[in-house]
Amino acid sequence: MLSKAGFEIVFATPQGKKALPDIRMLNGNGLGVFKGVLQARKDAIDAGIEMQTSQSFGDPLKYNDIYVDSFDALLLPGGHDKGVKEYLESEVLQGIVVVVDFFTA
């Protein structure tokens, strides 16, 4: 939706490597009786596939290369997969978001 509204989207990961989606939420495998409630909707799955084919998603910045002056906004999506732990516990990302730049801006 942001891309379609004209925003340039830039992704970032700890080491600048392409992220992986939470496959379980996309395909519903392993969700048991909660599959109908927890699995991503078809429109979200389609959007995820489209996102994964974008150049920005395939070539993300490193967290250390995020500078507040280069961006108008910062979006920090959540998630459930194991990779989210590294995202939540990253001192580099916490410093960029809270202590240093974006929160103040």
PDB file of N, CA and C in Angstrom:
ATOM      1  N   MET A   1       0.825  -1.195   0.000  1.00  0.00           N
ATOM      2  CA  MET A   1       0.000   0.000   0.000  1.00  0.00           C
ATOM      3  C   MET A   1       0.866   1.255   0.000  1.00  0.00           C
ATOM      4  N   LEU A   2       1.971   1.207   0.744  1.00  0.00           N
ATOM      5  CA  LEU A   2       2.845   2.377   0.785  1.00  0.00           C
ATOM      6  C   LEU A   2       3.486   2.638  -0.574  1.00  0.00           C
ATOM      7  N   SER A   3       3.928   1.587  -1.230  1.00  0.00           N
ATOM      8  CA  SER A   3       4.513   1.741  -2.571  1.00  0.00           C
ATOM      9  C   SER A   3       3.497   2.316  -3.540  1.00  0.00           C
ATOM     10  N   LYS A   4       2.284   1.804  -3.492  1.00  0.00           N
ATOM     11  CA  LYS A   4       1.240   2.272  -4.401  1.00  0.00           C
ATOM     12  C   LYS A   4       0.852   3.710  -4.113  1.00  0.00           C
ATOM     13  N   ALA A   5       1.099   4.175  -2.875  1.00  0.00           N
ATOM     14  CA  ALA A   5       0.818   5.569  -2.517  1.00  0.00           C
ATOM     15  C   ALA A   5       1.975   6.494  -2.896  1.00  0.00           C
ATOM     16  N   GLY A   6       3.037   5.928  -3.479  1.00  0.00           N
ATOM     17  CA  GLY A   6       4.140   6.748  -3.959  1.00  0.00           C
ATOM     18  C   GLY A   6       5.348   6.829  -3.045  1.00  0.00           C
ATOM     19  N   PHE A   7       5.337   6.085  -1.943  1.00  0.00           N
ATOM     20  CA  PHE A   7       6.481   6.094  -1.044  1.00  0.00           C
ATOM     21  C   PHE A   7       7.568   5.153  -1.551  1.00  0.00           C
ATOM     22  N   GLU A   8       8.811   5.579  -1.435  1.00  0.00           N
ATOM     23  CA  GLU A   8       9.935   4.693  -1.733  1.00  0.00           C
ATOM     24  C   GLU A   8      10.194   3.854  -0.483  1.00  0.00           C
ATOM     25  N   ILE A   9      10.228   2.563  -0.621  1.00  0.00           N
ATOM     26  CA  ILE A   9      10.414   1.656   0.498  1.00  0.00           C
ATOM     27  C   ILE A   9      11.852   1.148   0.498  1.00  0.00           C
ATOM     28  N   VAL A  10      12.488   1.233   1.653  1.00  0.00           N
ATOM     29  CA  VAL A  10      13.849   0.733   1.835  1.00  0.00           C
ATOM     30  C   VAL A  10      13.817  -0.258   2.987  1.00  0.00           C
ATOM     31  N   PHE A  11      14.358  -1.436   2.772  1.00  0.00           N
ATOM     32  CA  PHE A  11      14.413  -2.453   3.810  1.00  0.00           C
ATOM     33  C   PHE A  11      15.791  -2.458   4.443  1.00  0.00           C
ATOM     34  N   ALA A  12      15.867  -2.946   5.688  1.00  0.00           N
ATOM     35  CA  ALA A  12      17.147  -3.070   6.373  1.00  0.00           C
ATOM     36  C   ALA A  12      17.131  -4.348   7.202  1.00  0.00           C
ATOM     37  N   THR A  13      18.276  -4.999   7.266  1.00  0.00           N
ATOM     38  CA  THR A  13      18.462  -6.196   8.077  1.00  0.00           C
ATOM     39  C   THR A  13      19.788  -6.053   8.822  1.00  0.00           C
ATOM     40  N   PRO A  14      20.023  -6.888   9.825  1.00  0.00           N
ATOM     41  CA  PRO A  14      21.248  -6.720  10.622  1.00  0.00           C
ATOM     42  C   PRO A  14      22.531  -6.666   9.798  1.00  0.00           C
ATOM     43  N   GLN A  15      22.673  -7.562   8.839  1.00  0.00           N
ATOM     44  CA  GLN A  15      23.900  -7.631   8.046  1.00  0.00           C
ATOM     45  C   GLN A  15      23.701  -7.244   6.582  1.00  0.00           C
ATOM     46  N   GLY A  16      22.534  -6.710   6.257  1.00  0.00           N
ATOM     47  CA  GLY A  16      22.267  -6.326   4.876  1.00  0.00           C
ATOM     48  C   GLY A  16      21.971  -7.508   3.971  1.00  0.00           C
ATOM     49  N   LYS A  17      21.562  -8.628   4.559  1.00  0.00           N
ATOM     50  CA  LYS A  17      21.204  -9.808   3.775  1.00  0.00           C
ATOM     51  C   LYS A  17      19.684  -9.885   3.651  1.00  0.00           C
ATOM     52  N   LYS A  18      19.220 -10.437   2.544  1.00  0.00           N
ATOM     53  CA  LYS A  18      17.789 -10.552   2.281  1.00  0.00           C
ATOM     54  C   LYS A  18      17.097 -11.317   3.404  1.00  0.00           C
ATOM     55  N   ALA A  19      15.994 -10.789   3.883  1.00  0.00           N
ATOM     56  CA  ALA A  19      15.220 -11.421   4.950  1.00  0.00           C
ATOM     57  C   ALA A  19      14.365 -12.552   4.379  1.00  0.00           C
ATOM     58  N   LEU A  20      13.911 -13.404   5.265  1.00  0.00           N
ATOM     59  CA  LEU A  20      13.010 -14.490   4.894  1.00  0.00           C
ATOM     60  C   LEU A  20      11.650 -14.261   5.542  1.00  0.00           C
ATOM     61  N   PRO A  21      10.588 -14.546   4.823  1.00  0.00           N
ATOM     62  CA  PRO A  21       9.250 -14.376   5.420  1.00  0.00           C
ATOM     63  C   PRO A  21       8.961 -15.489   6.426  1.00  0.00           C
ATOM     64  N   ASP A  22       7.964 -15.282   7.242  1.00  0.00           N
ATOM     65  CA  ASP A  22       7.504 -16.294   8.189  1.00  0.00           C
ATOM     66  C   ASP A  22       6.638 -17.281   7.406  1.00  0.00           C
ATOM     67  N   ILE A  23       7.271 -18.331   6.918  1.00  0.00           N
ATOM     68  CA  ILE A  23       6.610 -19.294   6.041  1.00  0.00           C
ATOM     69  C   ILE A  23       5.387 -19.912   6.700  1.00  0.00           C
ATOM     70  N   ARG A  24       5.463 -20.179   7.996  1.00  0.00           N
ATOM     71  CA  ARG A  24       4.338 -20.812   8.685  1.00  0.00           C
ATOM     72  C   ARG A  24       3.080 -19.938   8.609  1.00  0.00           C
ATOM     73  N   MET A  25       3.246 -18.644   8.741  1.00  0.00           N
ATOM     74  CA  MET A  25       2.085 -17.754   8.653  1.00  0.00           C
ATOM     75  C   MET A  25       1.548 -17.670   7.222  1.00  0.00           C
ATOM     76  N   LEU A  26       2.426 -17.885   6.251  1.00  0.00           N
ATOM     77  CA  LEU A  26       1.989 -17.827   4.861  1.00  0.00           C
ATOM     78  C   LEU A  26       1.287 -19.106   4.414  1.00  0.00           C
ATOM     79  N   ASN A  27       1.839 -20.267   4.802  1.00  0.00           N
ATOM     80  CA  ASN A  27       1.241 -21.516   4.317  1.00  0.00           C
ATOM     81  C   ASN A  27       0.324 -22.195   5.339  1.00  0.00           C
ATOM     82  N   GLY A  28       0.366 -21.761   6.582  1.00  0.00           N
ATOM     83  CA  GLY A  28      -0.521 -22.299   7.607  1.00  0.00           C
ATOM     84  C   GLY A  28      -0.087 -23.623   8.202  1.00  0.00           C
ATOM     85  N   ASN A  29       0.992 -24.210   7.693  1.00  0.00           N
ATOM     86  CA  ASN A  29       1.456 -25.489   8.218  1.00  0.00           C
ATOM     87  C   ASN A  29       1.905 -25.365   9.664  1.00  0.00           C
ATOM     88  N   GLY A  30       1.433 -26.284  10.499  1.00  0.00           N
ATOM     89  CA  GLY A  30       1.830 -26.298  11.898  1.00  0.00           C
ATOM     90  C   GLY A  30       0.992 -25.413  12.806  1.00  0.00           C
ATOM     91  N   LEU A  31      -0.012 -24.769  12.281  1.00  0.00           N
ATOM     92  CA  LEU A  31      -0.843 -23.883  13.100  1.00  0.00           C
ATOM     93  C   LEU A  31      -2.034 -24.601  13.723  1.00  0.00           C
ATOM     94  N   GLY A  32      -2.223 -25.860  13.330  1.00  0.00           N
ATOM     95  CA  GLY A  32      -3.285 -26.671  13.917  1.00  0.00           C
ATOM     96  C   GLY A  32      -4.662 -26.053  13.785  1.00  0.00           C
ATOM     97  N   VAL A  33      -5.432 -26.149  14.858  1.00  0.00           N
ATOM     98  CA  VAL A  33      -6.821 -25.665  14.836  1.00  0.00           C
ATOM     99  C   VAL A  33      -6.907 -24.145  14.695  1.00  0.00           C
ATOM    100  N   PHE A  34      -5.789 -23.455  14.899  1.00  0.00           N
ATOM    101  CA  PHE A  34      -5.778 -21.988  14.806  1.00  0.00           C
ATOM    102  C   PHE A  34      -5.433 -21.482  13.403  1.00  0.00           C
ATOM    103  N   LYS A  35      -5.228 -22.415  12.466  1.00  0.00           N
ATOM    104  CA  LYS A  35      -4.829 -22.036  11.107  1.00  0.00           C
ATOM    105  C   LYS A  35      -5.759 -20.979  10.508  1.00  0.00           C
ATOM    106  N   GLY A  36      -7.050 -21.170  10.642  1.00  0.00           N
ATOM    107  CA  GLY A  36      -8.007 -20.237  10.045  1.00  0.00           C
ATOM    108  C   GLY A  36      -7.912 -18.829  10.604  1.00  0.00           C
ATOM    109  N   VAL A  37      -7.440 -18.703  11.824  1.00  0.00           N
ATOM    110  CA  VAL A  37      -7.343 -17.398  12.477  1.00  0.00           C
ATOM    111  C   VAL A  37      -5.955 -16.778  12.285  1.00  0.00           C
ATOM    112  N   LEU A  38      -4.909 -17.616  12.317  1.00  0.00           N
ATOM    113  CA  LEU A  38      -3.540 -17.108  12.313  1.00  0.00           C
ATOM    114  C   LEU A  38      -2.906 -16.976  10.929  1.00  0.00           C
ATOM    115  N   GLN A  39      -3.302 -17.832   9.999  1.00  0.00           N
ATOM    116  CA  GLN A  39      -2.675 -17.783   8.683  1.00  0.00           C
ATOM    117  C   GLN A  39      -2.984 -16.461   8.002  1.00  0.00           C
ATOM    118  N   ALA A  40      -2.013 -15.961   7.280  1.00  0.00           N
ATOM    119  CA  ALA A  40      -2.184 -14.702   6.554  1.00  0.00           C
ATOM    120  C   ALA A  40      -3.316 -14.828   5.534  1.00  0.00           C
ATOM    121  N   ARG A  41      -4.031 -13.722   5.351  1.00  0.00           N
ATOM    122  CA  ARG A  41      -5.082 -13.683   4.334  1.00  0.00           C
ATOM    123  C   ARG A  41      -4.444 -13.737   2.945  1.00  0.00           C
ATOM    124  N   LYS A  42      -5.235 -14.106   1.948  1.00  0.00           N
ATOM    125  CA  LYS A  42      -4.717 -14.224   0.586  1.00  0.00           C
ATOM    126  C   LYS A  42      -4.130 -12.903   0.093  1.00  0.00           C
ATOM    127  N   ASP A  43      -4.776 -11.785   0.403  1.00  0.00           N
ATOM    128  CA  ASP A  43      -4.246 -10.498  -0.066  1.00  0.00           C
ATOM    129  C   ASP A  43      -2.897 -10.197   0.581  1.00  0.00           C
ATOM    130  N   ALA A  44      -2.718 -10.613   1.834  1.00  0.00           N
ATOM    131  CA  ALA A  44      -1.429 -10.410   2.503  1.00  0.00           C
ATOM    132  C   ALA A  44      -0.357 -11.325   1.909  1.00  0.00           C
ATOM    133  N   ILE A  45      -0.742 -12.543   1.583  1.00  0.00           N
ATOM    134  CA  ILE A  45       0.197 -13.470   0.940  1.00  0.00           C
ATOM    135  C   ILE A  45       0.629 -12.917  -0.407  1.00  0.00           C
ATOM    136  N   ASP A  46      -0.322 -12.441  -1.196  1.00  0.00           N
ATOM    137  CA  ASP A  46      -0.009 -11.853  -2.504  1.00  0.00           C
ATOM    138  C   ASP A  46       0.901 -10.642  -2.357  1.00  0.00           C
ATOM    139  N   ALA A  47       0.629  -9.797  -1.360  1.00  0.00           N
ATOM    140  CA  ALA A  47       1.474  -8.617  -1.118  1.00  0.00           C
ATOM    141  C   ALA A  47       2.881  -9.044  -0.703  1.00  0.00           C
ATOM    142  N   GLY A  48       2.971 -10.107   0.102  1.00  0.00           N
ATOM    143  CA  GLY A  48       4.285 -10.609   0.519  1.00  0.00           C
ATOM    144  C   GLY A  48       5.095 -11.125  -0.649  1.00  0.00           C
ATOM    145  N   ILE A  49       4.438 -11.818  -1.561  1.00  0.00           N
ATOM    146  CA  ILE A  49       5.129 -12.313  -2.759  1.00  0.00           C
ATOM    147  C   ILE A  49       5.617 -11.140  -3.598  1.00  0.00           C
ATOM    148  N   GLU A  50       4.764 -10.145  -3.764  1.00  0.00           N
ATOM    149  CA  GLU A  50       5.157  -8.948  -4.525  1.00  0.00           C
ATOM    150  C   GLU A  50       6.334  -8.243  -3.848  1.00  0.00           C
ATOM    151  N   MET A  51       6.284  -8.116  -2.528  1.00  0.00           N
ATOM    152  CA  MET A  51       7.353  -7.460  -1.776  1.00  0.00           C
ATOM    153  C   MET A  51       8.679  -8.200  -1.969  1.00  0.00           C
ATOM    154  N   GLN A  52       8.623  -9.527  -1.913  1.00  0.00           N
ATOM    155  CA  GLN A  52       9.851 -10.317  -2.016  1.00  0.00           C
ATOM    156  C   GLN A  52      10.518 -10.212  -3.382  1.00  0.00           C
ATOM    157  N   THR A  53       9.775  -9.787  -4.389  1.00  0.00           N
ATOM    158  CA  THR A  53      10.360  -9.638  -5.717  1.00  0.00           C
ATOM    159  C   THR A  53      10.921  -8.236  -5.958  1.00  0.00           C
ATOM    160  N   SER A  54      10.722  -7.330  -5.004  1.00  0.00           N
ATOM    161  CA  SER A  54      11.206  -5.959  -5.196  1.00  0.00           C
ATOM    162  C   SER A  54      12.723  -5.893  -5.015  1.00  0.00           C
ATOM    163  N   GLN A  55      13.334  -4.978  -5.722  1.00  0.00           N
ATOM    164  CA  GLN A  55      14.785  -4.805  -5.630  1.00  0.00           C
ATOM    165  C   GLN A  55      15.191  -4.390  -4.225  1.00  0.00           C
ATOM    166  N   SER A  56      14.422  -3.524  -3.593  1.00  0.00           N
ATOM    167  CA  SER A  56      14.750  -3.049  -2.254  1.00  0.00           C
ATOM    168  C   SER A  56      14.743  -4.186  -1.234  1.00  0.00           C
ATOM    169  N   PHE A  57      13.779  -5.085  -1.332  1.00  0.00           N
ATOM    170  CA  PHE A  57      13.720  -6.219  -0.415  1.00  0.00           C
ATOM    171  C   PHE A  57      14.910  -7.150  -0.638  1.00  0.00           C
ATOM    172  N   GLY A  58      15.285  -7.317  -1.889  1.00  0.00           N
ATOM    173  CA  GLY A  58      16.387  -8.209  -2.228  1.00  0.00           C
ATOM    174  C   GLY A  58      17.756  -7.649  -1.925  1.00  0.00           C
ATOM    175  N   ASP A  59      17.852  -6.347  -1.712  1.00  0.00           N
ATOM    176  CA  ASP A  59      19.136  -5.696  -1.455  1.00  0.00           C
ATOM    177  C   ASP A  59      18.983  -4.700  -0.296  1.00  0.00           C
ATOM    178  N   PRO A  60      18.718  -5.215   0.914  1.00  0.00           N
ATOM    179  CA  PRO A  60      18.466  -4.314   2.048  1.00  0.00           C
ATOM    180  C   PRO A  60      19.727  -3.622   2.560  1.00  0.00           C
ATOM    181  N   LEU A  61      19.510  -2.534   3.272  1.00  0.00           N
ATOM    182  CA  LEU A  61      20.606  -1.868   3.977  1.00  0.00           C
ATOM    183  C   LEU A  61      21.007  -2.687   5.204  1.00  0.00           C
ATOM    184  N   LYS A  62      22.201  -2.428   5.700  1.00  0.00           N
ATOM    185  CA  LYS A  62      22.584  -2.928   7.025  1.00  0.00           C
ATOM    186  C   LYS A  62      22.010  -1.949   8.039  1.00  0.00           C
ATOM    187  N   TYR A  63      21.687  -2.440   9.233  1.00  0.00           N
ATOM    188  CA  TYR A  63      21.197  -1.542  10.276  1.00  0.00           C
ATOM    189  C   TYR A  63      22.149  -0.365  10.478  1.00  0.00           C
ATOM    190  N   ASN A  64      23.447  -0.621  10.419  1.00  0.00           N
ATOM    191  CA  ASN A  64      24.432   0.447  10.631  1.00  0.00           C
ATOM    192  C   ASN A  64      24.387   1.531   9.563  1.00  0.00           C
ATOM    193  N   ASP A  65      23.717   1.253   8.440  1.00  0.00           N
ATOM    194  CA  ASP A  65      23.650   2.222   7.347  1.00  0.00           C
ATOM    195  C   ASP A  65      22.339   3.007   7.329  1.00  0.00           C
ATOM    196  N   ILE A  66      21.576   2.937   8.417  1.00  0.00           N
ATOM    197  CA  ILE A  66      20.327   3.692   8.520  1.00  0.00           C
ATOM    198  C   ILE A  66      20.640   5.049   9.151  1.00  0.00           C
ATOM    199  N   TYR A  67      20.329   6.115   8.422  1.00  0.00           N
ATOM    200  CA  TYR A  67      20.554   7.479   8.925  1.00  0.00           C
ATOM    201  C   TYR A  67      19.247   8.258   8.838  1.00  0.00           C
ATOM    202  N   VAL A  68      18.885   8.905   9.917  1.00  0.00           N
ATOM    203  CA  VAL A  68      17.593   9.592   9.996  1.00  0.00           C
ATOM    204  C   VAL A  68      17.419  10.634   8.897  1.00  0.00           C
ATOM    205  N   ASP A  69      18.476  11.296   8.498  1.00  0.00           N
ATOM    206  CA  ASP A  69      18.371  12.335   7.473  1.00  0.00           C
ATOM    207  C   ASP A  69      18.026  11.777   6.096  1.00  0.00           C
ATOM    208  N   SER A  70      18.144  10.470   5.925  1.00  0.00           N
ATOM    209  CA  SER A  70      17.857   9.847   4.630  1.00  0.00           C
ATOM    210  C   SER A  70      16.401   9.415   4.474  1.00  0.00           C
ATOM    211  N   PHE A  71      15.611   9.517   5.558  1.00  0.00           N
ATOM    212  CA  PHE A  71      14.263   8.974   5.536  1.00  0.00           C
ATOM    213  C   PHE A  71      13.249   9.947   6.139  1.00  0.00           C
ATOM    214  N   ASP A  72      12.010   9.831   5.682  1.00  0.00           N
ATOM    215  CA  ASP A  72      10.918  10.619   6.232  1.00  0.00           C
ATOM    216  C   ASP A  72      10.173   9.884   7.338  1.00  0.00           C
ATOM    217  N   ALA A  73      10.295   8.556   7.360  1.00  0.00           N
ATOM    218  CA  ALA A  73       9.575   7.755   8.350  1.00  0.00           C
ATOM    219  C   ALA A  73      10.282   6.424   8.543  1.00  0.00           C
ATOM    220  N   LEU A  74       9.913   5.770   9.624  1.00  0.00           N
ATOM    221  CA  LEU A  74      10.459   4.460   9.946  1.00  0.00           C
ATOM    222  C   LEU A  74       9.301   3.565  10.371  1.00  0.00           C
ATOM    223  N   LEU A  75       9.170   2.425   9.741  1.00  0.00           N
ATOM    224  CA  LEU A  75       8.124   1.467  10.070  1.00  0.00           C
ATOM    225  C   LEU A  75       8.796   0.202  10.587  1.00  0.00           C
ATOM    226  N   LEU A  76       8.409  -0.224  11.780  1.00  0.00           N
ATOM    227  CA  LEU A  76       8.983  -1.413  12.406  1.00  0.00           C
ATOM    228  C   LEU A  76       7.890  -2.466  12.545  1.00  0.00           C
ATOM    229  N   PRO A  77       7.741  -3.323  11.533  1.00  0.00           N
ATOM    230  CA  PRO A  77       6.694  -4.346  11.611  1.00  0.00           C
ATOM    231  C   PRO A  77       7.052  -5.434  12.607  1.00  0.00           C
ATOM    232  N   GLY A  78       6.055  -6.106  13.104  1.00  0.00           N
ATOM    233  CA  GLY A  78       6.270  -7.210  14.031  1.00  0.00           C
ATOM    234  C   GLY A  78       6.343  -8.530  13.303  1.00  0.00           C
ATOM    235  N   GLY A  79       6.260  -9.601  14.065  1.00  0.00           N
ATOM    236  CA  GLY A  79       6.304 -10.922  13.472  1.00  0.00           C
ATOM    237  C   GLY A  79       6.367 -11.985  14.545  1.00  0.00           C
ATOM    238  N   HIS A  80       6.388 -13.238  14.102  1.00  0.00           N
ATOM    239  CA  HIS A  80       6.372 -14.364  15.020  1.00  0.00           C
ATOM    240  C   HIS A  80       7.553 -15.305  14.839  1.00  0.00           C
ATOM    241  N   ASP A  81       8.225 -15.238  13.716  1.00  0.00           N
ATOM    242  CA  ASP A  81       9.261 -16.217  13.418  1.00  0.00           C
ATOM    243  C   ASP A  81      10.515 -15.965  14.245  1.00  0.00           C
ATOM    244  N   LYS A  82      11.421 -16.935  14.240  1.00  0.00           N
ATOM    245  CA  LYS A  82      12.636 -16.870  15.062  1.00  0.00           C
ATOM    246  C   LYS A  82      13.492 -15.641  14.764  1.00  0.00           C
ATOM    247  N   GLY A  83      13.510 -15.190  13.521  1.00  0.00           N
ATOM    248  CA  GLY A  83      14.317 -14.034  13.151  1.00  0.00           C
ATOM    249  C   GLY A  83      13.910 -12.751  13.844  1.00  0.00           C
ATOM    250  N   VAL A  84      12.704 -12.694  14.361  1.00  0.00           N
ATOM    251  CA  VAL A  84      12.227 -11.486  15.035  1.00  0.00           C
ATOM    252  C   VAL A  84      13.014 -11.235  16.320  1.00  0.00           C
ATOM    253  N   LYS A  85      13.507 -12.273  16.958  1.00  0.00           N
ATOM    254  CA  LYS A  85      14.275 -12.108  18.195  1.00  0.00           C
ATOM    255  C   LYS A  85      15.504 -11.245  17.948  1.00  0.00           C
ATOM    256  N   GLU A  86      16.218 -11.530  16.866  1.00  0.00           N
ATOM    257  CA  GLU A  86      17.404 -10.733  16.544  1.00  0.00           C
ATOM    258  C   GLU A  86      17.022  -9.277  16.285  1.00  0.00           C
ATOM    259  N   TYR A  87      15.909  -9.088  15.631  1.00  0.00           N
ATOM    260  CA  TYR A  87      15.390  -7.754  15.327  1.00  0.00           C
ATOM    261  C   TYR A  87      15.054  -7.006  16.620  1.00  0.00           C
ATOM    262  N   LEU A  88      14.348  -7.663  17.520  1.00  0.00           N
ATOM    263  CA  LEU A  88      13.935  -7.032  18.775  1.00  0.00           C
ATOM    264  C   LEU A  88      15.106  -6.753  19.709  1.00  0.00           C
ATOM    265  N   GLU A  89      16.117  -7.625  19.688  1.00  0.00           N
ATOM    266  CA  GLU A  89      17.233  -7.503  20.622  1.00  0.00           C
ATOM    267  C   GLU A  89      18.433  -6.763  20.047  1.00  0.00           C
ATOM    268  N   SER A  90      18.350  -6.277  18.827  1.00  0.00           N
ATOM    269  CA  SER A  90      19.479  -5.609  18.198  1.00  0.00           C
ATOM    270  C   SER A  90      19.776  -4.273  18.876  1.00  0.00           C
ATOM    271  N   GLU A  91      20.923  -4.197  19.529  1.00  0.00           N
ATOM    272  CA  GLU A  91      21.318  -2.936  20.163  1.00  0.00           C
ATOM    273  C   GLU A  91      21.581  -1.855  19.132  1.00  0.00           C
ATOM    274  N   VAL A  92      22.065  -2.251  17.952  1.00  0.00           N
ATOM    275  CA  VAL A  92      22.294  -1.281  16.883  1.00  0.00           C
ATOM    276  C   VAL A  92      20.962  -0.652  16.469  1.00  0.00           C
ATOM    277  N   LEU A  93      19.965  -1.478  16.210  1.00  0.00           N
ATOM    278  CA  LEU A  93      18.660  -0.961  15.800  1.00  0.00           C
ATOM    279  C   LEU A  93      18.010  -0.153  16.924  1.00  0.00           C
ATOM    280  N   GLN A  94      18.100  -0.626  18.150  1.00  0.00           N
ATOM    281  CA  GLN A  94      17.546   0.118  19.279  1.00  0.00           C
ATOM    282  C   GLN A  94      18.183   1.491  19.385  1.00  0.00           C
ATOM    283  N   GLY A  95      19.485   1.564  19.184  1.00  0.00           N
ATOM    284  CA  GLY A  95      20.180   2.851  19.247  1.00  0.00           C
ATOM    285  C   GLY A  95      19.733   3.805  18.164  1.00  0.00           C
ATOM    286  N   ILE A  96      19.511   3.282  16.982  1.00  0.00           N
ATOM    287  CA  ILE A  96      19.073   4.112  15.863  1.00  0.00           C
ATOM    288  C   ILE A  96      17.656   4.610  16.093  1.00  0.00           C
ATOM    289  N   VAL A  97      16.793   3.734  16.566  1.00  0.00           N
ATOM    290  CA  VAL A  97      15.377   4.069  16.710  1.00  0.00           C
ATOM    291  C   VAL A  97      15.114   4.937  17.932  1.00  0.00           C
ATOM    292  N   VAL A  98      15.564   4.511  19.076  1.00  0.00           N
ATOM    293  CA  VAL A  98      15.157   5.143  20.321  1.00  0.00           C
ATOM    294  C   VAL A  98      16.157   6.187  20.804  1.00  0.00           C
ATOM    295  N   VAL A  99      17.363   5.788  20.963  1.00  0.00           N
ATOM    296  CA  VAL A  99      18.321   6.647  21.647  1.00  0.00           C
ATOM    297  C   VAL A  99      18.823   7.769  20.760  1.00  0.00           C
ATOM    298  N   VAL A 100      19.066   7.466  19.526  1.00  0.00           N
ATOM    299  CA  VAL A 100      19.797   8.427  18.710  1.00  0.00           C
ATOM    300  C   VAL A 100      18.908   9.335  17.885  1.00  0.00           C
ATOM    301  N   ASP A 101      18.224   8.788  16.893  1.00  0.00           N
ATOM    302  CA  ASP A 101      17.700   9.645  15.856  1.00  0.00           C
ATOM    303  C   ASP A 101      16.184   9.635  15.670  1.00  0.00           C
ATOM    304  N   PHE A 102      15.629   8.520  15.289  1.00  0.00           N
ATOM    305  CA  PHE A 102      14.251   8.503  14.813  1.00  0.00           C
ATOM    306  C   PHE A 102      13.241   8.904  15.867  1.00  0.00           C
ATOM    307  N   PHE A 103      13.407   8.451  17.078  1.00  0.00           N
ATOM    308  CA  PHE A 103      12.442   8.788  18.116  1.00  0.00           C
ATOM    309  C   PHE A 103      12.440  10.311  18.343  1.00  0.00           C
ATOM    310  N   THR A 104      13.615  10.914  18.391  1.00  0.00           N
ATOM    311  CA  THR A 104      13.726  12.352  18.578  1.00  0.00           C
ATOM    312  C   THR A 104      13.132  13.103  17.401  1.00  0.00           C
ATOM    313  N   ALA A 105      13.443  12.644  16.176  1.00  0.00           N
ATOM    314  CA  ALA A 105      12.942  13.306  14.973  1.00  0.00           C
ATOM    315  C   ALA A 105      11.423  13.192  14.901  1.00  0.00           C
TER     316      ALA A 105
END
